[in-house]
Amino acid sequence: MTKINLAEMLSRFHDYWHPRIVAELNGQHVKLAKLQGPFVWHHHEAEDELFLVLHGRLRLQFRDREIVLDPGECVVVPRGVEHRPVADEEVHVLLFEPASTLNTGNVRNERTRERLDRI
């Protein structure tokens, strides 16, 4: 067991849309990421995904609505729900999801991270 300082972990990287694993539990990954700009529309066939905003404002777009998250707010996107995260300015998020979750879900493109770094 070790204490994890999220701010210190976030200071270790500066690129966007490249989640890093900071912890694991029960087959789940706890990830940190910095986001800026729009991501790709996608869904996760078999995994739910939790977004917790630590810094900034994140817009989660769905085909029928949008949810805006401010620091300290989170939402769980259920498996199979198409979504697109959008960060108009830099956003820091904590993601909690099964280890099998691919960041771009059912889409493969230049932002897909097949293997994630641990910090």
PDB file of N, CA and C in Angstrom:
ATOM      1  N   MET A   1       0.840  -1.183   0.000  1.00  0.00           N
ATOM      2  CA  MET A   1       0.000   0.000   0.000  1.00  0.00           C
ATOM      3  C   MET A   1       0.879   1.238   0.000  1.00  0.00           C
ATOM      4  N   THR A   2       0.558   2.144  -0.894  1.00  0.00           N
ATOM      5  CA  THR A   2       1.242   3.430  -0.909  1.00  0.00           C
ATOM      6  C   THR A   2       0.219   4.529  -1.156  1.00  0.00           C
ATOM      7  N   LYS A   3       0.482   5.650  -0.570  1.00  0.00           N
ATOM      8  CA  LYS A   3      -0.378   6.814  -0.759  1.00  0.00           C
ATOM      9  C   LYS A   3      -0.149   7.365  -2.160  1.00  0.00           C
ATOM     10  N   ILE A   4      -1.215   7.797  -2.818  1.00  0.00           N
ATOM     11  CA  ILE A   4      -1.124   8.362  -4.166  1.00  0.00           C
ATOM     12  C   ILE A   4      -1.515   9.832  -4.102  1.00  0.00           C
ATOM     13  N   ASN A   5      -0.606  10.698  -4.498  1.00  0.00           N
ATOM     14  CA  ASN A   5      -0.884  12.123  -4.574  1.00  0.00           C
ATOM     15  C   ASN A   5      -1.261  12.435  -6.017  1.00  0.00           C
ATOM     16  N   LEU A   6      -2.542  12.679  -6.269  1.00  0.00           N
ATOM     17  CA  LEU A   6      -3.029  12.866  -7.633  1.00  0.00           C
ATOM     18  C   LEU A   6      -2.399  14.072  -8.318  1.00  0.00           C
ATOM     19  N   ALA A   7      -2.232  15.175  -7.597  1.00  0.00           N
ATOM     20  CA  ALA A   7      -1.626  16.372  -8.194  1.00  0.00           C
ATOM     21  C   ALA A   7      -0.193  16.094  -8.620  1.00  0.00           C
ATOM     22  N   GLU A   8       0.548  15.375  -7.785  1.00  0.00           N
ATOM     23  CA  GLU A   8       1.937  15.054  -8.127  1.00  0.00           C
ATOM     24  C   GLU A   8       1.986  14.127  -9.346  1.00  0.00           C
ATOM     25  N   MET A   9       1.096  13.158  -9.390  1.00  0.00           N
ATOM     26  CA  MET A   9       1.047  12.249 -10.548  1.00  0.00           C
ATOM     27  C   MET A   9       0.707  13.013 -11.829  1.00  0.00           C
ATOM     28  N   LEU A  10      -0.225  13.924 -11.741  1.00  0.00           N
ATOM     29  CA  LEU A  10      -0.610  14.711 -12.920  1.00  0.00           C
ATOM     30  C   LEU A  10       0.535  15.608 -13.394  1.00  0.00           C
ATOM     31  N   SER A  11       1.416  16.018 -12.482  1.00  0.00           N
ATOM     32  CA  SER A  11       2.533  16.879 -12.878  1.00  0.00           C
ATOM     33  C   SER A  11       3.589  16.118 -13.681  1.00  0.00           C
ATOM     34  N   ARG A  12       3.514  14.803 -13.719  1.00  0.00           N
ATOM     35  CA  ARG A  12       4.513  13.983 -14.406  1.00  0.00           C
ATOM     36  C   ARG A  12       4.317  13.879 -15.913  1.00  0.00           C
ATOM     37  N   PHE A  13       3.177  14.342 -16.417  1.00  0.00           N
ATOM     38  CA  PHE A  13       2.952  14.272 -17.861  1.00  0.00           C
ATOM     39  C   PHE A  13       2.172  15.489 -18.337  1.00  0.00           C
ATOM     40  N   HIS A  14       2.261  15.748 -19.636  1.00  0.00           N
ATOM     41  CA  HIS A  14       1.654  16.967 -20.172  1.00  0.00           C
ATOM     42  C   HIS A  14       0.846  16.738 -21.447  1.00  0.00           C
ATOM     43  N   ASP A  15       0.847  15.525 -21.965  1.00  0.00           N
ATOM     44  CA  ASP A  15       0.109  15.283 -23.207  1.00  0.00           C
ATOM     45  C   ASP A  15      -1.362  15.002 -22.911  1.00  0.00           C
ATOM     46  N   TYR A  16      -2.168  15.180 -23.939  1.00  0.00           N
ATOM     47  CA  TYR A  16      -3.616  15.031 -23.800  1.00  0.00           C
ATOM     48  C   TYR A  16      -4.090  13.698 -24.368  1.00  0.00           C
ATOM     49  N   TRP A  17      -5.200  13.206 -23.779  1.00  0.00           N
ATOM     50  CA  TRP A  17      -5.877  12.001 -24.263  1.00  0.00           C
ATOM     51  C   TRP A  17      -4.999  10.755 -24.179  1.00  0.00           C
ATOM     52  N   HIS A  18      -4.093  10.718 -23.199  1.00  0.00           N
ATOM     53  CA  HIS A  18      -3.220   9.564 -23.001  1.00  0.00           C
ATOM     54  C   HIS A  18      -3.282   9.177 -21.521  1.00  0.00           C
ATOM     55  N   PRO A  19      -4.300   8.386 -21.143  1.00  0.00           N
ATOM     56  CA  PRO A  19      -4.456   8.025 -19.730  1.00  0.00           C
ATOM     57  C   PRO A  19      -3.262   7.256 -19.184  1.00  0.00           C
ATOM     58  N   ARG A  20      -2.989   7.454 -17.888  1.00  0.00           N
ATOM     59  CA  ARG A  20      -1.950   6.720 -17.172  1.00  0.00           C
ATOM     60  C   ARG A  20      -2.604   5.966 -16.020  1.00  0.00           C
ATOM     61  N   ILE A  21      -2.134   4.777 -15.763  1.00  0.00           N
ATOM     62  CA  ILE A  21      -2.651   3.968 -14.652  1.00  0.00           C
ATOM     63  C   ILE A  21      -1.929   4.381 -13.378  1.00  0.00           C
ATOM     64  N   VAL A  22      -2.698   4.703 -12.328  1.00  0.00           N
ATOM     65  CA  VAL A  22      -2.094   5.057 -11.039  1.00  0.00           C
ATOM     66  C   VAL A  22      -2.379   4.013  -9.960  1.00  0.00           C
ATOM     67  N   ALA A  23      -3.380   3.141 -10.204  1.00  0.00           N
ATOM     68  CA  ALA A  23      -3.699   2.098  -9.226  1.00  0.00           C
ATOM     69  C   ALA A  23      -4.571   1.034  -9.886  1.00  0.00           C
ATOM     70  N   GLU A  24      -4.621  -0.119  -9.226  1.00  0.00           N
ATOM     71  CA  GLU A  24      -5.477  -1.223  -9.664  1.00  0.00           C
ATOM     72  C   GLU A  24      -6.188  -1.811  -8.464  1.00  0.00           C
ATOM     73  N   LEU A  25      -7.420  -2.240  -8.662  1.00  0.00           N
ATOM     74  CA  LEU A  25      -8.135  -2.957  -7.618  1.00  0.00           C
ATOM     75  C   LEU A  25      -9.251  -3.780  -8.234  1.00  0.00           C
ATOM     76  N   ASN A  26      -9.337  -5.023  -7.840  1.00  0.00           N
ATOM     77  CA  ASN A  26     -10.424  -5.906  -8.275  1.00  0.00           C
ATOM     78  C   ASN A  26     -10.650  -5.909  -9.778  1.00  0.00           C
ATOM     79  N   GLY A  27      -9.567  -5.936 -10.547  1.00  0.00           N
ATOM     80  CA  GLY A  27      -9.703  -5.961 -12.003  1.00  0.00           C
ATOM     81  C   GLY A  27     -10.045  -4.622 -12.626  1.00  0.00           C
ATOM     82  N   GLN A  28      -9.968  -3.573 -11.835  1.00  0.00           N
ATOM     83  CA  GLN A  28     -10.272  -2.222 -12.296  1.00  0.00           C
ATOM     84  C   GLN A  28      -8.988  -1.396 -12.336  1.00  0.00           C
ATOM     85  N   HIS A  29      -8.941  -0.452 -13.261  1.00  0.00           N
ATOM     86  CA  HIS A  29      -7.836   0.508 -13.304  1.00  0.00           C
ATOM     87  C   HIS A  29      -8.337   1.869 -12.839  1.00  0.00           C
ATOM     88  N   VAL A  30      -7.521   2.523 -12.064  1.00  0.00           N
ATOM     89  CA  VAL A  30      -7.717   3.928 -11.721  1.00  0.00           C
ATOM     90  C   VAL A  30      -6.712   4.669 -12.593  1.00  0.00           C
ATOM     91  N   LYS A  31      -7.225   5.587 -13.433  1.00  0.00           N
ATOM     92  CA  LYS A  31      -6.382   6.265 -14.414  1.00  0.00           C
ATOM     93  C   LYS A  31      -6.491   7.775 -14.249  1.00  0.00           C
ATOM     94  N   LEU A  32      -5.412   8.455 -14.595  1.00  0.00           N
ATOM     95  CA  LEU A  32      -5.423   9.912 -14.674  1.00  0.00           C
ATOM     96  C   LEU A  32      -5.174  10.301 -16.113  1.00  0.00           C
ATOM     97  N   ALA A  33      -5.826  11.383 -16.545  1.00  0.00           N
ATOM     98  CA  ALA A  33      -5.616  11.879 -17.904  1.00  0.00           C
ATOM     99  C   ALA A  33      -5.815  13.380 -17.928  1.00  0.00           C
ATOM    100  N   LYS A  34      -5.128  13.994 -18.871  1.00  0.00           N
ATOM    101  CA  LYS A  34      -5.337  15.404 -19.184  1.00  0.00           C
ATOM    102  C   LYS A  34      -6.028  15.439 -20.543  1.00  0.00           C
ATOM    103  N   LEU A  35      -7.029  16.276 -20.643  1.00  0.00           N
ATOM    104  CA  LEU A  35      -7.830  16.348 -21.860  1.00  0.00           C
ATOM    105  C   LEU A  35      -7.872  17.779 -22.362  1.00  0.00           C
ATOM    106  N   GLN A  36      -7.901  17.925 -23.665  1.00  0.00           N
ATOM    107  CA  GLN A  36      -8.151  19.233 -24.266  1.00  0.00           C
ATOM    108  C   GLN A  36      -8.655  19.016 -25.682  1.00  0.00           C
ATOM    109  N   GLY A  37      -9.728  19.744 -26.025  1.00  0.00           N
ATOM    110  CA  GLY A  37     -10.353  19.596 -27.326  1.00  0.00           C
ATOM    111  C   GLY A  37     -11.381  18.479 -27.316  1.00  0.00           C
ATOM    112  N   PRO A  38     -11.943  18.170 -28.478  1.00  0.00           N
ATOM    113  CA  PRO A  38     -12.933  17.097 -28.566  1.00  0.00           C
ATOM    114  C   PRO A  38     -12.265  15.737 -28.766  1.00  0.00           C
ATOM    115  N   PHE A  39     -12.878  14.704 -28.225  1.00  0.00           N
ATOM    116  CA  PHE A  39     -12.418  13.335 -28.435  1.00  0.00           C
ATOM    117  C   PHE A  39     -13.275  12.718 -29.541  1.00  0.00           C
ATOM    118  N   VAL A  40     -13.168  11.451 -29.743  1.00  0.00           N
ATOM    119  CA  VAL A  40     -13.904  10.745 -30.779  1.00  0.00           C
ATOM    120  C   VAL A  40     -15.211  10.181 -30.194  1.00  0.00           C
ATOM    121  N   TRP A  41     -16.257  10.177 -31.014  1.00  0.00           N
ATOM    122  CA  TRP A  41     -17.494   9.504 -30.607  1.00  0.00           C
ATOM    123  C   TRP A  41     -17.193   8.016 -30.501  1.00  0.00           C
ATOM    124  N   HIS A  42     -17.608   7.395 -29.397  1.00  0.00           N
ATOM    125  CA  HIS A  42     -17.355   5.969 -29.203  1.00  0.00           C
ATOM    126  C   HIS A  42     -18.261   5.413 -28.115  1.00  0.00           C
ATOM    127  N   HIS A  43     -18.251   4.106 -27.962  1.00  0.00           N
ATOM    128  CA  HIS A  43     -18.905   3.455 -26.824  1.00  0.00           C
ATOM    129  C   HIS A  43     -18.065   2.256 -26.392  1.00  0.00           C
ATOM    130  N   HIS A  44     -18.344   1.775 -25.215  1.00  0.00           N
ATOM    131  CA  HIS A  44     -17.663   0.609 -24.676  1.00  0.00           C
ATOM    132  C   HIS A  44     -18.707  -0.501 -24.567  1.00  0.00           C
ATOM    133  N   GLU A  45     -18.509  -1.532 -25.340  1.00  0.00           N
ATOM    134  CA  GLU A  45     -19.504  -2.601 -25.437  1.00  0.00           C
ATOM    135  C   GLU A  45     -19.757  -3.298 -24.108  1.00  0.00           C
ATOM    136  N   ALA A  46     -18.701  -3.540 -23.336  1.00  0.00           N
ATOM    137  CA  ALA A  46     -18.849  -4.377 -22.137  1.00  0.00           C
ATOM    138  C   ALA A  46     -18.483  -3.679 -20.832  1.00  0.00           C
ATOM    139  N   GLU A  47     -18.088  -2.413 -20.866  1.00  0.00           N
ATOM    140  CA  GLU A  47     -17.603  -1.761 -19.654  1.00  0.00           C
ATOM    141  C   GLU A  47     -18.309  -0.435 -19.377  1.00  0.00           C
ATOM    142  N   ASP A  48     -18.628  -0.219 -18.108  1.00  0.00           N
ATOM    143  CA  ASP A  48     -19.061   1.097 -17.645  1.00  0.00           C
ATOM    144  C   ASP A  48     -17.794   1.924 -17.439  1.00  0.00           C
ATOM    145  N   GLU A  49     -17.960   3.259 -17.436  1.00  0.00           N
ATOM    146  CA  GLU A  49     -16.800   4.142 -17.325  1.00  0.00           C
ATOM    147  C   GLU A  49     -17.151   5.315 -16.407  1.00  0.00           C
ATOM    148  N   LEU A  50     -16.335   5.536 -15.373  1.00  0.00           N
ATOM    149  CA  LEU A  50     -16.557   6.648 -14.463  1.00  0.00           C
ATOM    150  C   LEU A  50     -15.583   7.774 -14.798  1.00  0.00           C
ATOM    151  N   PHE A  51     -16.111   8.982 -14.944  1.00  0.00           N
ATOM    152  CA  PHE A  51     -15.318  10.197 -15.142  1.00  0.00           C
ATOM    153  C   PHE A  51     -15.470  11.054 -13.888  1.00  0.00           C
ATOM    154  N   LEU A  52     -14.355  11.388 -13.223  1.00  0.00           N
ATOM    155  CA  LEU A  52     -14.354  12.307 -12.088  1.00  0.00           C
ATOM    156  C   LEU A  52     -13.454  13.479 -12.458  1.00  0.00           C
ATOM    157  N   VAL A  53     -14.014  14.677 -12.505  1.00  0.00           N
ATOM    158  CA  VAL A  53     -13.239  15.857 -12.877  1.00  0.00           C
ATOM    159  C   VAL A  53     -12.497  16.382 -11.654  1.00  0.00           C
ATOM    160  N   LEU A  54     -11.187  16.549 -11.825  1.00  0.00           N
ATOM    161  CA  LEU A  54     -10.335  17.088 -10.769  1.00  0.00           C
ATOM    162  C   LEU A  54     -10.033  18.566 -10.992  1.00  0.00           C
ATOM    163  N   HIS A  55      -9.955  18.966 -12.259  1.00  0.00           N
ATOM    164  CA  HIS A  55      -9.612  20.349 -12.628  1.00  0.00           C
ATOM    165  C   HIS A  55     -10.275  20.657 -13.958  1.00  0.00           C
ATOM    166  N   GLY A  56     -10.843  21.843 -14.087  1.00  0.00           N
ATOM    167  CA  GLY A  56     -11.449  22.272 -15.344  1.00  0.00           C
ATOM    168  C   GLY A  56     -12.913  21.874 -15.451  1.00  0.00           C
ATOM    169  N   ARG A  57     -13.424  21.970 -16.658  1.00  0.00           N
ATOM    170  CA  ARG A  57     -14.837  21.654 -16.932  1.00  0.00           C
ATOM    171  C   ARG A  57     -14.894  20.716 -18.127  1.00  0.00           C
ATOM    172  N   LEU A  58     -15.544  19.588 -17.941  1.00  0.00           N
ATOM    173  CA  LEU A  58     -15.660  18.580 -18.993  1.00  0.00           C
ATOM    174  C   LEU A  58     -17.100  18.499 -19.479  1.00  0.00           C
ATOM    175  N   ARG A  59     -17.235  18.533 -20.788  1.00  0.00           N
ATOM    176  CA  ARG A  59     -18.556  18.309 -21.391  1.00  0.00           C
ATOM    177  C   ARG A  59     -18.596  16.882 -21.928  1.00  0.00           C
ATOM    178  N   LEU A  60     -19.549  16.106 -21.474  1.00  0.00           N
ATOM    179  CA  LEU A  60     -19.752  14.771 -22.016  1.00  0.00           C
ATOM    180  C   LEU A  60     -20.968  14.839 -22.928  1.00  0.00           C
ATOM    181  N   GLN A  61     -20.722  14.670 -24.211  1.00  0.00           N
ATOM    182  CA  GLN A  61     -21.798  14.732 -25.179  1.00  0.00           C
ATOM    183  C   GLN A  61     -22.349  13.338 -25.419  1.00  0.00           C
ATOM    184  N   PHE A  62     -23.664  13.282 -25.484  1.00  0.00           N
ATOM    185  CA  PHE A  62     -24.383  12.074 -25.850  1.00  0.00           C
ATOM    186  C   PHE A  62     -25.240  12.435 -27.056  1.00  0.00           C
ATOM    187  N   ARG A  63     -25.736  11.478 -27.768  1.00  0.00           N
ATOM    188  CA  ARG A  63     -26.505  11.779 -28.985  1.00  0.00           C
ATOM    189  C   ARG A  63     -27.777  12.567 -28.681  1.00  0.00           C
ATOM    190  N   ASP A  64     -28.294  12.477 -27.451  1.00  0.00           N
ATOM    191  CA  ASP A  64     -29.544  13.160 -27.119  1.00  0.00           C
ATOM    192  C   ASP A  64     -29.415  14.268 -26.083  1.00  0.00           C
ATOM    193  N   ARG A  65     -28.202  14.464 -25.538  1.00  0.00           N
ATOM    194  CA  ARG A  65     -28.021  15.502 -24.513  1.00  0.00           C
ATOM    195  C   ARG A  65     -26.548  15.686 -24.201  1.00  0.00           C
ATOM    196  N   GLU A  66     -26.265  16.577 -23.243  1.00  0.00           N
ATOM    197  CA  GLU A  66     -24.899  16.844 -22.807  1.00  0.00           C
ATOM    198  C   GLU A  66     -24.902  16.985 -21.290  1.00  0.00           C
ATOM    199  N   ILE A  67     -23.879  16.461 -20.654  1.00  0.00           N
ATOM    200  CA  ILE A  67     -23.688  16.626 -19.211  1.00  0.00           C
ATOM    201  C   ILE A  67     -22.389  17.399 -19.011  1.00  0.00           C
ATOM    202  N   VAL A  68     -22.447  18.442 -18.190  1.00  0.00           N
ATOM    203  CA  VAL A  68     -21.261  19.251 -17.892  1.00  0.00           C
ATOM    204  C   VAL A  68     -20.813  18.918 -16.477  1.00  0.00           C
ATOM    205  N   LEU A  69     -19.522  18.578 -16.353  1.00  0.00           N
ATOM    206  CA  LEU A  69     -18.945  18.245 -15.056  1.00  0.00           C
ATOM    207  C   LEU A  69     -17.914  19.288 -14.650  1.00  0.00           C
ATOM    208  N   ASP A  70     -18.045  19.784 -13.431  1.00  0.00           N
ATOM    209  CA  ASP A  70     -17.092  20.706 -12.837  1.00  0.00           C
ATOM    210  C   ASP A  70     -16.240  19.941 -11.827  1.00  0.00           C
ATOM    211  N   PRO A  71     -15.167  20.546 -11.305  1.00  0.00           N
ATOM    212  CA  PRO A  71     -14.314  19.848 -10.343  1.00  0.00           C
ATOM    213  C   PRO A  71     -15.114  19.263  -9.177  1.00  0.00           C
ATOM    214  N   GLY A  72     -14.798  18.018  -8.856  1.00  0.00           N
ATOM    215  CA  GLY A  72     -15.487  17.330  -7.779  1.00  0.00           C
ATOM    216  C   GLY A  72     -16.747  16.609  -8.210  1.00  0.00           C
ATOM    217  N   GLU A  73     -17.101  16.700  -9.484  1.00  0.00           N
ATOM    218  CA  GLU A  73     -18.298  16.032  -9.985  1.00  0.00           C
ATOM    219  C   GLU A  73     -17.905  14.837 -10.851  1.00  0.00           C
ATOM    220  N   CYS A  74     -18.765  13.831 -10.845  1.00  0.00           N
ATOM    221  CA  CYS A  74     -18.486  12.643 -11.643  1.00  0.00           C
ATOM    222  C   CYS A  74     -19.773  12.105 -12.253  1.00  0.00           C
ATOM    223  N   VAL A  75     -19.588  11.227 -13.227  1.00  0.00           N
ATOM    224  CA  VAL A  75     -20.717  10.540 -13.854  1.00  0.00           C
ATOM    225  C   VAL A  75     -20.225   9.172 -14.302  1.00  0.00           C
ATOM    226  N   VAL A  76     -21.124   8.212 -14.284  1.00  0.00           N
ATOM    227  CA  VAL A  76     -20.833   6.891 -14.823  1.00  0.00           C
ATOM    228  C   VAL A  76     -21.555   6.772 -16.155  1.00  0.00           C
ATOM    229  N   VAL A  77     -20.775   6.521 -17.209  1.00  0.00           N
ATOM    230  CA  VAL A  77     -21.349   6.287 -18.531  1.00  0.00           C
ATOM    231  C   VAL A  77     -21.559   4.769 -18.648  1.00  0.00           C
ATOM    232  N   PRO A  78     -22.808   4.332 -18.764  1.00  0.00           N
ATOM    233  CA  PRO A  78     -23.068   2.893 -18.843  1.00  0.00           C
ATOM    234  C   PRO A  78     -22.539   2.271 -20.132  1.00  0.00           C
ATOM    235  N   ARG A  79     -22.182   1.017 -20.058  1.00  0.00           N
ATOM    236  CA  ARG A  79     -21.717   0.282 -21.239  1.00  0.00           C
ATOM    237  C   ARG A  79     -22.723   0.430 -22.375  1.00  0.00           C
ATOM    238  N   GLY A  80     -22.196   0.536 -23.580  1.00  0.00           N
ATOM    239  CA  GLY A  80     -23.038   0.621 -24.758  1.00  0.00           C
ATOM    240  C   GLY A  80     -23.547   2.006 -25.107  1.00  0.00           C
ATOM    241  N   VAL A  81     -23.343   2.991 -24.233  1.00  0.00           N
ATOM    242  CA  VAL A  81     -23.843   4.348 -24.485  1.00  0.00           C
ATOM    243  C   VAL A  81     -22.785   5.138 -25.255  1.00  0.00           C
ATOM    244  N   GLU A  82     -23.145   5.601 -26.453  1.00  0.00           N
ATOM    245  CA  GLU A  82     -22.216   6.383 -27.263  1.00  0.00           C
ATOM    246  C   GLU A  82     -22.012   7.749 -26.621  1.00  0.00           C
ATOM    247  N   HIS A  83     -20.755   8.168 -26.563  1.00  0.00           N
ATOM    248  CA  HIS A  83     -20.433   9.447 -25.916  1.00  0.00           C
ATOM    249  C   HIS A  83     -19.178  10.043 -26.534  1.00  0.00           C
ATOM    250  N   ARG A  84     -19.001  11.334 -26.255  1.00  0.00           N
ATOM    251  CA  ARG A  84     -17.799  12.046 -26.703  1.00  0.00           C
ATOM    252  C   ARG A  84     -17.429  13.075 -25.657  1.00  0.00           C
ATOM    253  N   PRO A  85     -16.287  12.890 -24.983  1.00  0.00           N
ATOM    254  CA  PRO A  85     -15.811  13.916 -24.060  1.00  0.00           C
ATOM    255  C   PRO A  85     -15.257  15.114 -24.841  1.00  0.00           C
ATOM    256  N   VAL A  86     -15.542  16.314 -24.339  1.00  0.00           N
ATOM    257  CA  VAL A  86     -15.039  17.542 -24.946  1.00  0.00           C
ATOM    258  C   VAL A  86     -14.509  18.436 -23.828  1.00  0.00           C
ATOM    259  N   ALA A  87     -13.257  18.887 -23.978  1.00  0.00           N
ATOM    260  CA  ALA A  87     -12.633  19.783 -23.011  1.00  0.00           C
ATOM    261  C   ALA A  87     -12.281  21.078 -23.744  1.00  0.00           C
ATOM    262  N   ASP A  88     -13.059  22.121 -23.518  1.00  0.00           N
ATOM    263  CA  ASP A  88     -12.806  23.400 -24.188  1.00  0.00           C
ATOM    264  C   ASP A  88     -11.492  24.020 -23.725  1.00  0.00           C
ATOM    265  N   GLU A  89     -11.110  23.754 -22.491  1.00  0.00           N
ATOM    266  CA  GLU A  89      -9.817  24.135 -21.928  1.00  0.00           C
ATOM    267  C   GLU A  89      -9.271  22.894 -21.233  1.00  0.00           C
ATOM    268  N   GLU A  90      -8.019  22.935 -20.790  1.00  0.00           N
ATOM    269  CA  GLU A  90      -7.426  21.750 -20.176  1.00  0.00           C
ATOM    270  C   GLU A  90      -8.250  21.247 -19.003  1.00  0.00           C
ATOM    271  N   VAL A  91      -8.471  19.952 -18.994  1.00  0.00           N
ATOM    272  CA  VAL A  91      -9.225  19.279 -17.939  1.00  0.00           C
ATOM    273  C   VAL A  91      -8.374  18.123 -17.411  1.00  0.00           C
ATOM    274  N   HIS A  92      -8.414  17.912 -16.101  1.00  0.00           N
ATOM    275  CA  HIS A  92      -7.755  16.763 -15.483  1.00  0.00           C
ATOM    276  C   HIS A  92      -8.854  15.852 -14.952  1.00  0.00           C
ATOM    277  N   VAL A  93      -8.788  14.572 -15.300  1.00  0.00           N
ATOM    278  CA  VAL A  93      -9.813  13.631 -14.863  1.00  0.00           C
ATOM    279  C   VAL A  93      -9.196  12.390 -14.241  1.00  0.00           C
ATOM    280  N   LEU A  94      -9.959  11.785 -13.354  1.00  0.00           N
ATOM    281  CA  LEU A  94      -9.675  10.461 -12.853  1.00  0.00           C
ATOM    282  C   LEU A  94     -10.712   9.547 -13.490  1.00  0.00           C
ATOM    283  N   LEU A  95     -10.251   8.467 -14.078  1.00  0.00           N
ATOM    284  CA  LEU A  95     -11.125   7.489 -14.717  1.00  0.00           C
ATOM    285  C   LEU A  95     -11.063   6.196 -13.913  1.00  0.00           C
ATOM    286  N   PHE A  96     -12.196   5.574 -13.738  1.00  0.00           N
ATOM    287  CA  PHE A  96     -12.255   4.300 -13.035  1.00  0.00           C
ATOM    288  C   PHE A  96     -13.033   3.353 -13.918  1.00  0.00           C
ATOM    289  N   GLU A  97     -12.366   2.286 -14.359  1.00  0.00           N
ATOM    290  CA  GLU A  97     -12.993   1.386 -15.315  1.00  0.00           C
ATOM    291  C   GLU A  97     -12.287   0.037 -15.320  1.00  0.00           C
ATOM    292  N   PRO A  98     -12.935  -1.006 -15.850  1.00  0.00           N
ATOM    293  CA  PRO A  98     -12.286  -2.311 -15.927  1.00  0.00           C
ATOM    294  C   PRO A  98     -10.970  -2.232 -16.697  1.00  0.00           C
ATOM    295  N   ALA A  99     -10.026  -3.087 -16.316  1.00  0.00           N
ATOM    296  CA  ALA A  99      -8.707  -3.096 -16.953  1.00  0.00           C
ATOM    297  C   ALA A  99      -8.805  -3.342 -18.455  1.00  0.00           C
ATOM    298  N   SER A 100      -9.852  -3.994 -18.909  1.00  0.00           N
ATOM    299  CA  SER A 100     -10.005  -4.314 -20.333  1.00  0.00           C
ATOM    300  C   SER A 100     -10.474  -3.134 -21.179  1.00  0.00           C
ATOM    301  N   THR A 101     -10.805  -2.009 -20.562  1.00  0.00           N
ATOM    302  CA  THR A 101     -11.382  -0.872 -21.280  1.00  0.00           C
ATOM    303  C   THR A 101     -10.347  -0.195 -22.180  1.00  0.00           C
ATOM    304  N   LEU A 102     -10.653  -0.118 -23.452  1.00  0.00           N
ATOM    305  CA  LEU A 102      -9.828   0.603 -24.423  1.00  0.00           C
ATOM    306  C   LEU A 102     -10.299   2.048 -24.446  1.00  0.00           C
ATOM    307  N   ASN A 103      -9.392   2.994 -24.411  1.00  0.00           N
ATOM    308  CA  ASN A 103      -9.777   4.402 -24.287  1.00  0.00           C
ATOM    309  C   ASN A 103     -10.705   4.892 -25.399  1.00  0.00           C
ATOM    310  N   THR A 104     -10.585   4.328 -26.605  1.00  0.00           N
ATOM    311  CA  THR A 104     -11.449   4.750 -27.716  1.00  0.00           C
ATOM    312  C   THR A 104     -12.583   3.751 -27.965  1.00  0.00           C
ATOM    313  N   GLY A 105     -12.780   2.830 -27.044  1.00  0.00           N
ATOM    314  CA  GLY A 105     -13.906   1.909 -27.133  1.00  0.00           C
ATOM    315  C   GLY A 105     -13.947   1.121 -28.421  1.00  0.00           C
ATOM    316  N   ASN A 106     -15.039   1.276 -29.151  1.00  0.00           N
ATOM    317  CA  ASN A 106     -15.264   0.523 -30.386  1.00  0.00           C
ATOM    318  C   ASN A 106     -14.576   1.142 -31.597  1.00  0.00           C
ATOM    319  N   VAL A 107     -13.813   2.213 -31.407  1.00  0.00           N
ATOM    320  CA  VAL A 107     -13.141   2.916 -32.499  1.00  0.00           C
ATOM    321  C   VAL A 107     -11.633   2.722 -32.353  1.00  0.00           C
ATOM    322  N   ARG A 108     -10.978   2.531 -33.462  1.00  0.00           N
ATOM    323  CA  ARG A 108      -9.513   2.471 -33.466  1.00  0.00           C
ATOM    324  C   ARG A 108      -9.010   3.602 -34.357  1.00  0.00           C
ATOM    325  N   ASN A 109      -8.180   4.490 -33.785  1.00  0.00           N
ATOM    326  CA  ASN A 109      -7.601   5.585 -34.567  1.00  0.00           C
ATOM    327  C   ASN A 109      -6.291   6.023 -33.919  1.00  0.00           C
ATOM    328  N   GLU A 110      -5.786   7.188 -34.306  1.00  0.00           N
ATOM    329  CA  GLU A 110      -4.490   7.653 -33.800  1.00  0.00           C
ATOM    330  C   GLU A 110      -4.505   7.940 -32.297  1.00  0.00           C
ATOM    331  N   ARG A 111      -5.660   8.079 -31.692  1.00  0.00           N
ATOM    332  CA  ARG A 111      -5.741   8.327 -30.251  1.00  0.00           C
ATOM    333  C   ARG A 111      -5.882   7.035 -29.438  1.00  0.00           C
ATOM    334  N   THR A 112      -6.016   5.924 -30.097  1.00  0.00           N
ATOM    335  CA  THR A 112      -6.157   4.649 -29.395  1.00  0.00           C
ATOM    336  C   THR A 112      -4.854   4.297 -28.679  1.00  0.00           C
ATOM    337  N   ARG A 113      -4.963   3.930 -27.422  1.00  0.00           N
ATOM    338  CA  ARG A 113      -3.814   3.516 -26.611  1.00  0.00           C
ATOM    339  C   ARG A 113      -4.025   2.049 -26.245  1.00  0.00           C
ATOM    340  N   GLU A 114      -3.358   1.177 -26.996  1.00  0.00           N
ATOM    341  CA  GLU A 114      -3.481  -0.262 -26.745  1.00  0.00           C
ATOM    342  C   GLU A 114      -2.881  -0.650 -25.398  1.00  0.00           C
ATOM    343  N   ARG A 115      -1.793  -0.003 -25.026  1.00  0.00           N
ATOM    344  CA  ARG A 115      -1.105  -0.250 -23.756  1.00  0.00           C
ATOM    345  C   ARG A 115      -0.936   1.073 -23.030  1.00  0.00           C
ATOM    346  N   LEU A 116      -1.248   1.080 -21.768  1.00  0.00           N
ATOM    347  CA  LEU A 116      -1.144   2.306 -20.990  1.00  0.00           C
ATOM    348  C   LEU A 116       0.084   2.274 -20.083  1.00  0.00           C
ATOM    349  N   ASP A 117       0.687   3.434 -19.908  1.00  0.00           N
ATOM    350  CA  ASP A 117       1.813   3.581 -18.997  1.00  0.00           C
ATOM    351  C   ASP A 117       1.323   3.604 -17.563  1.00  0.00           C
ATOM    352  N   ARG A 118       2.153   3.122 -16.676  1.00  0.00           N
ATOM    353  CA  ARG A 118       1.894   3.219 -15.232  1.00  0.00           C
ATOM    354  C   ARG A 118       2.768   4.336 -14.666  1.00  0.00           C
ATOM    355  N   ILE A 119       2.177   5.123 -13.798  1.00  0.00           N
ATOM    356  CA  ILE A 119       2.984   6.154 -13.130  1.00  0.00           C
ATOM    357  C   ILE A 119       2.839   5.985 -11.621  1.00  0.00           C
TER     358      ILE A 119
END
